[in-house]
Amino acid sequence: MSDLAWDVTGDGPALVLVPAGIGSRHQYDRVAEDLAADFTVISLDPRGQGESPNPSADYFDHEDALAVLADAGFDRASWVGASNGGRIVADVAATTPDAVTSLVLLAPALPGGAWQDFPDDLERLHEADRALQDGDFDTTAKIHADLFFIGRDRTLQDLPAPFPERVMGLLMAAAAREMGAWDAGQPREIDPPLRDRLGDIAAPTLVAVGTHDHPAMHEAARRYREGLPNVTATTIQGVAHFPAYEAPAVTAELIRDHVPAVADA
């Protein structure tokens, strides 16, 4: 039985939503409300995020996610993951293919991925981590806003009100929640690693990335596209790294268009 925090709503085939590493399952609230007309929507907080407990030892995220699926009464689902959540659901598909009907990967992270190709921004991420350890949530939030919520080719002021204020509030809250969350345990990488197992993931997969997202995330999406054997890809116009939050109706439509097509096939 899982000790993670999770919600379930709707009725129909199971659809699991796994959030990005910044924030909680509530980034999917409007997407879940939309999709509940067609699916049993299960949204969860990974360990160390949102309302889920901090780890007490090293652990596997995909095992946590599968435990939530079982607690909800399902042994198979379509899985949606954003950023690090995309890595988690891809781990589920690589290790437990019978539990996966289809995948939707929204700007998915890939361990051993492309941030090393952008050393200046990688150093900024390290700066954000250092600020978090010092309790400087303001600096952490500003760096994360710049790299992920605002993205490339626009500024915070380009976003429609009250989105900028809401973004900064969410990021400050996320930083406060995450301070020290993984001091006693870290997520473990599957073995062999995911980057070497993409070709084994047979589930039909949609890979989507926002036009304003960081080039490192576009590069990670490219690696998924080239490595997955049963993949379609799209670009979400006018958003950065959090399409479920910035464009929930568009995100729900992408998911709905992909998942029923798989079921019909």
Protein backbone atom coordinates (compact mmCIF):
# COMPACT_ATOMS: atom_id res chain seq x y z
CA MET A 1 0.00 0.00 0.00
CA SER A 2 1.36 3.39 -1.00
CA ASP A 3 2.01 6.22 1.45
CA LEU A 4 2.05 8.83 -1.33
CA ALA A 5 -0.58 11.57 -1.62
CA TRP A 6 -2.89 11.06 -4.58
CA ASP A 7 -6.35 12.01 -5.87
CA VAL A 8 -8.77 10.14 -8.10
CA THR A 9 -11.67 11.58 -10.06
CA GLY A 10 -13.84 10.59 -13.00
CA ASP A 11 -14.80 7.25 -14.46
CA GLY A 12 -13.41 5.16 -17.30
CA PRO A 13 -9.98 3.81 -18.26
CA ALA A 14 -7.20 4.68 -15.82
CA LEU A 15 -5.05 7.71 -16.60
CA VAL A 16 -2.18 8.56 -14.23
CA LEU A 17 -0.79 12.10 -14.05
CA VAL A 18 2.73 12.57 -12.62
CA PRO A 19 3.88 16.18 -12.12
CA ALA A 20 7.18 17.90 -12.78
CA GLY A 21 9.85 17.89 -10.11
CA ILE A 22 9.00 21.50 -9.19
CA GLY A 23 5.62 21.68 -7.44
CA SER A 24 2.91 19.12 -6.89
CA ARG A 25 0.05 17.18 -8.49
CA HIS A 26 -2.06 20.33 -8.33
CA GLN A 27 -0.33 21.65 -11.45
CA TYR A 28 -2.69 19.21 -13.22
CA ASP A 29 -5.91 20.31 -11.47
CA ARG A 30 -7.57 21.88 -14.51
CA VAL A 31 -6.33 19.11 -16.82
CA ALA A 32 -7.69 16.45 -14.45
CA GLU A 33 -11.06 18.19 -14.23
CA ASP A 34 -11.29 18.23 -18.04
CA LEU A 35 -10.21 14.60 -18.54
CA ALA A 36 -12.42 13.21 -15.76
CA ALA A 37 -15.30 13.19 -18.25
CA ASP A 38 -13.60 10.30 -20.07
CA PHE A 39 -11.12 8.70 -17.66
CA THR A 40 -10.51 7.66 -14.10
CA VAL A 41 -7.84 10.28 -13.49
CA ILE A 42 -5.25 9.47 -10.82
CA SER A 43 -2.90 12.34 -9.95
CA LEU A 44 -0.08 11.82 -7.47
CA ASP A 45 2.70 13.62 -5.64
CA PRO A 46 6.06 11.85 -5.97
CA ARG A 47 7.99 11.25 -2.78
CA GLY A 48 9.40 14.49 -1.38
CA GLN A 49 6.88 16.66 -3.24
CA GLY A 50 3.52 18.20 -2.42
CA GLU A 51 1.74 16.29 0.33
CA SER A 52 3.74 13.08 -0.02
CA PRO A 53 6.26 12.20 2.71
CA ASN A 54 9.98 12.75 2.38
CA PRO A 55 12.04 9.62 1.74
CA SER A 56 13.66 7.87 4.67
CA ALA A 57 16.02 5.91 2.37
CA ASP A 58 16.87 5.63 -1.32
CA TYR A 59 13.89 4.54 -3.41
CA PHE A 60 12.51 4.03 -6.93
CA ASP A 61 9.93 6.57 -8.14
CA HIS A 62 8.36 4.12 -10.58
CA GLU A 63 7.70 1.60 -7.80
CA ASP A 64 5.89 4.33 -5.84
CA ALA A 65 3.78 5.18 -8.90
CA LEU A 66 2.85 1.55 -9.50
CA ALA A 67 1.81 1.20 -5.86
CA VAL A 68 -0.58 4.15 -6.28
CA LEU A 69 -2.04 2.54 -9.41
CA ALA A 70 -2.67 -0.68 -7.48
CA ASP A 71 -4.25 1.20 -4.58
CA ALA A 72 -6.62 2.86 -7.05
CA GLY A 73 -7.72 -0.61 -8.17
CA PHE A 74 -6.02 -0.82 -11.56
CA ASP A 75 -3.17 -2.88 -12.95
CA ARG A 76 -2.86 -0.96 -16.26
CA ALA A 77 -3.16 2.68 -17.28
CA SER A 78 -2.20 5.38 -19.67
CA TRP A 79 0.51 7.51 -18.07
CA VAL A 80 1.20 11.24 -18.41
CA GLY A 81 4.40 12.74 -17.04
CA ALA A 82 5.86 16.24 -17.15
CA SER A 83 9.60 16.93 -16.88
CA ASN A 84 10.88 14.62 -14.11
CA GLY A 85 7.41 13.08 -14.10
CA GLY A 86 8.05 12.12 -17.70
CA ARG A 87 11.16 10.30 -16.57
CA ILE A 88 9.12 8.50 -13.91
CA VAL A 89 6.43 7.26 -16.28
CA ALA A 90 9.08 6.25 -18.84
CA ASP A 91 10.72 4.23 -16.05
CA VAL A 92 7.35 2.54 -15.47
CA ALA A 93 7.13 1.66 -19.18
CA ALA A 94 10.71 0.39 -19.33
CA THR A 95 10.43 -1.81 -16.24
CA THR A 96 6.75 -2.84 -16.21
CA PRO A 97 5.40 -2.74 -19.78
CA ASP A 98 2.22 -4.67 -18.90
CA ALA A 99 1.15 -1.73 -16.71
CA VAL A 100 1.24 0.74 -19.61
CA THR A 101 -1.37 1.30 -22.31
CA SER A 102 0.18 4.51 -23.64
CA LEU A 103 2.46 7.36 -22.63
CA VAL A 104 2.29 11.13 -22.92
CA LEU A 105 5.62 12.80 -22.14
CA LEU A 106 5.48 16.58 -21.63
CA ALA A 107 9.00 18.02 -21.92
CA PRO A 108 10.36 14.85 -20.34
CA ALA A 109 13.61 14.77 -18.40
CA LEU A 110 16.20 12.19 -19.38
CA PRO A 111 18.94 11.21 -16.89
CA GLY A 112 22.33 11.81 -18.42
CA GLY A 113 20.55 14.31 -20.67
CA ALA A 114 21.38 17.58 -22.29
CA TRP A 115 21.94 20.15 -19.52
CA GLN A 116 25.68 19.45 -19.74
CA ASP A 117 25.54 21.07 -23.18
CA PHE A 118 24.44 24.35 -21.54
CA PRO A 119 27.05 24.87 -18.81
CA ASP A 120 26.02 28.43 -17.92
CA ASP A 121 22.42 27.43 -17.25
CA LEU A 122 23.52 24.24 -15.52
CA GLU A 123 25.53 26.42 -13.15
CA ARG A 124 22.40 28.50 -12.56
CA LEU A 125 20.55 25.33 -11.55
CA HIS A 126 23.35 24.55 -9.12
CA GLU A 127 23.05 28.13 -7.82
CA ALA A 128 19.33 27.56 -7.26
CA ASP A 129 20.12 24.39 -5.30
CA ARG A 130 22.66 26.20 -3.16
CA ALA A 131 20.21 29.01 -2.48
CA LEU A 132 17.58 26.47 -1.48
CA GLN A 133 19.93 24.87 1.03
CA ASP A 134 20.56 28.34 2.47
CA GLY A 135 16.83 29.03 2.76
CA ASP A 136 16.98 31.71 0.06
CA PHE A 137 13.70 30.76 -1.57
CA ASP A 138 13.49 34.05 -3.48
CA THR A 139 16.67 33.34 -5.48
CA THR A 140 15.63 29.73 -6.11
CA ALA A 141 12.20 30.82 -7.35
CA LYS A 142 13.60 33.52 -9.63
CA ILE A 143 16.06 31.12 -11.29
CA HIS A 144 13.40 28.44 -11.77
CA ALA A 145 10.97 31.03 -13.14
CA ASP A 146 13.54 32.24 -15.65
CA LEU A 147 14.61 28.80 -16.85
CA PHE A 148 11.28 26.96 -16.78
CA PHE A 149 8.15 29.12 -16.48
CA ILE A 150 9.27 32.05 -18.63
CA GLY A 151 11.57 30.16 -20.96
CA ARG A 152 13.23 31.52 -24.04
CA ASP A 153 12.28 34.54 -26.15
CA ARG A 154 9.97 36.21 -23.63
CA THR A 155 9.96 37.89 -20.22
CA LEU A 156 7.81 37.53 -17.12
CA GLN A 157 6.00 40.70 -18.18
CA ASP A 158 5.01 39.03 -21.46
CA LEU A 159 2.82 36.58 -19.54
CA PRO A 160 -0.80 37.65 -19.03
CA ALA A 161 -1.84 38.86 -15.58
CA PRO A 162 -2.24 37.43 -13.00
CA PHE A 163 -0.01 34.61 -14.25
CA PRO A 164 3.35 36.19 -13.24
CA GLU A 165 2.27 36.69 -9.62
CA ARG A 166 0.79 33.20 -9.43
CA VAL A 167 3.96 31.66 -10.87
CA MET A 168 6.23 33.33 -8.34
CA GLY A 169 3.92 32.36 -5.48
CA LEU A 170 3.89 28.73 -6.60
CA LEU A 171 7.67 28.62 -6.99
CA MET A 172 8.28 30.16 -3.58
CA ALA A 173 5.96 27.57 -2.01
CA ALA A 174 7.65 24.75 -3.94
CA ALA A 175 11.09 25.88 -2.79
CA ALA A 176 9.97 25.99 0.84
CA ARG A 177 8.46 22.49 0.55
CA GLU A 178 11.56 21.00 -1.09
CA MET A 179 14.11 22.34 1.38
CA GLY A 180 15.77 19.26 2.86
CA ALA A 181 13.22 16.92 1.30
CA TRP A 182 15.82 14.47 0.03
CA ASP A 183 18.36 14.67 2.85
CA ALA A 184 17.62 11.11 4.02
CA GLY A 185 17.17 9.42 0.65
CA GLN A 186 17.41 9.95 -3.10
CA PRO A 187 15.54 8.49 -6.09
CA ARG A 188 17.50 5.62 -7.62
CA GLU A 189 18.12 5.23 -11.34
CA ILE A 190 16.83 2.06 -12.96
CA ASP A 191 19.43 -0.44 -14.17
CA PRO A 192 20.13 -0.53 -17.09
CA PRO A 193 19.51 3.23 -17.22
CA LEU A 194 16.51 4.68 -19.03
CA ARG A 195 18.60 6.28 -21.79
CA ASP A 196 19.74 2.77 -22.79
CA ARG A 197 16.24 1.29 -22.65
CA LEU A 198 14.16 3.65 -24.76
CA GLY A 199 14.13 1.13 -27.59
CA ASP A 200 12.45 -1.39 -25.28
CA ILE A 201 9.42 0.84 -24.61
CA ALA A 202 6.76 -0.50 -26.96
CA ALA A 203 3.82 1.59 -25.70
CA PRO A 204 2.53 4.23 -28.13
CA THR A 205 4.07 7.47 -26.93
CA LEU A 206 3.42 11.14 -27.54
CA VAL A 207 6.35 13.48 -26.86
CA ALA A 208 5.44 17.17 -26.58
CA VAL A 209 7.56 20.21 -25.77
CA GLY A 210 6.68 23.92 -25.58
CA THR A 211 8.02 26.43 -28.07
CA HIS A 212 9.46 28.58 -25.25
CA ASP A 213 10.98 25.69 -23.29
CA HIS A 214 14.72 25.56 -22.64
CA PRO A 215 16.89 24.14 -25.45
CA ALA A 216 18.03 21.39 -23.06
CA MET A 217 14.44 20.15 -22.87
CA HIS A 218 14.09 20.28 -26.66
CA GLU A 219 17.26 18.21 -26.87
CA ALA A 220 15.91 15.68 -24.35
CA ALA A 221 12.67 15.47 -26.35
CA ARG A 222 14.71 14.83 -29.49
CA ARG A 223 16.52 11.94 -27.80
CA TYR A 224 13.20 10.43 -26.78
CA ARG A 225 11.85 10.82 -30.32
CA GLU A 226 14.89 9.13 -31.81
CA GLY A 227 15.05 6.36 -29.22
CA LEU A 228 11.42 5.31 -28.85
CA PRO A 229 10.14 2.81 -31.44
CA ASN A 230 6.46 3.86 -31.38
CA VAL A 231 6.43 7.63 -31.05
CA THR A 232 4.67 10.71 -32.34
CA ALA A 233 5.80 14.22 -31.52
CA THR A 234 4.39 17.71 -31.35
CA THR A 235 5.34 21.22 -30.29
CA ILE A 236 2.96 23.15 -28.04
CA GLN A 237 2.81 26.72 -29.21
CA GLY A 238 3.25 29.65 -26.86
CA VAL A 239 4.21 27.79 -23.66
CA ALA A 240 7.41 26.95 -21.80
CA HIS A 241 8.09 24.02 -19.48
CA PHE A 242 4.69 23.67 -17.76
CA PRO A 243 1.99 23.26 -20.44
CA ALA A 244 -0.49 21.66 -18.00
CA TYR A 245 -0.40 24.84 -15.94
CA GLU A 246 0.04 27.42 -18.69
CA ALA A 247 -2.30 25.85 -21.28
CA PRO A 248 -4.48 23.25 -19.52
CA ALA A 249 -7.15 23.02 -22.23
CA VAL A 250 -4.55 22.43 -24.94
CA THR A 251 -2.78 19.87 -22.78
CA ALA A 252 -5.99 17.98 -22.04
CA GLU A 253 -6.85 17.94 -25.73
CA LEU A 254 -3.42 16.52 -26.61
CA ILE A 255 -3.86 13.76 -24.04
CA ARG A 256 -7.41 12.98 -25.09
CA ASP A 257 -6.44 12.85 -28.78
CA HIS A 258 -3.58 10.44 -28.10
CA VAL A 259 -5.07 8.04 -25.59
CA PRO A 260 -8.40 7.17 -27.30
CA ALA A 261 -6.57 6.68 -30.60
CA VAL A 262 -4.44 4.07 -28.88
CA ALA A 263 -7.50 2.40 -27.34
CA ASP A 264 -9.31 2.33 -30.70
CA ALA A 265 -6.27 0.78 -32.39
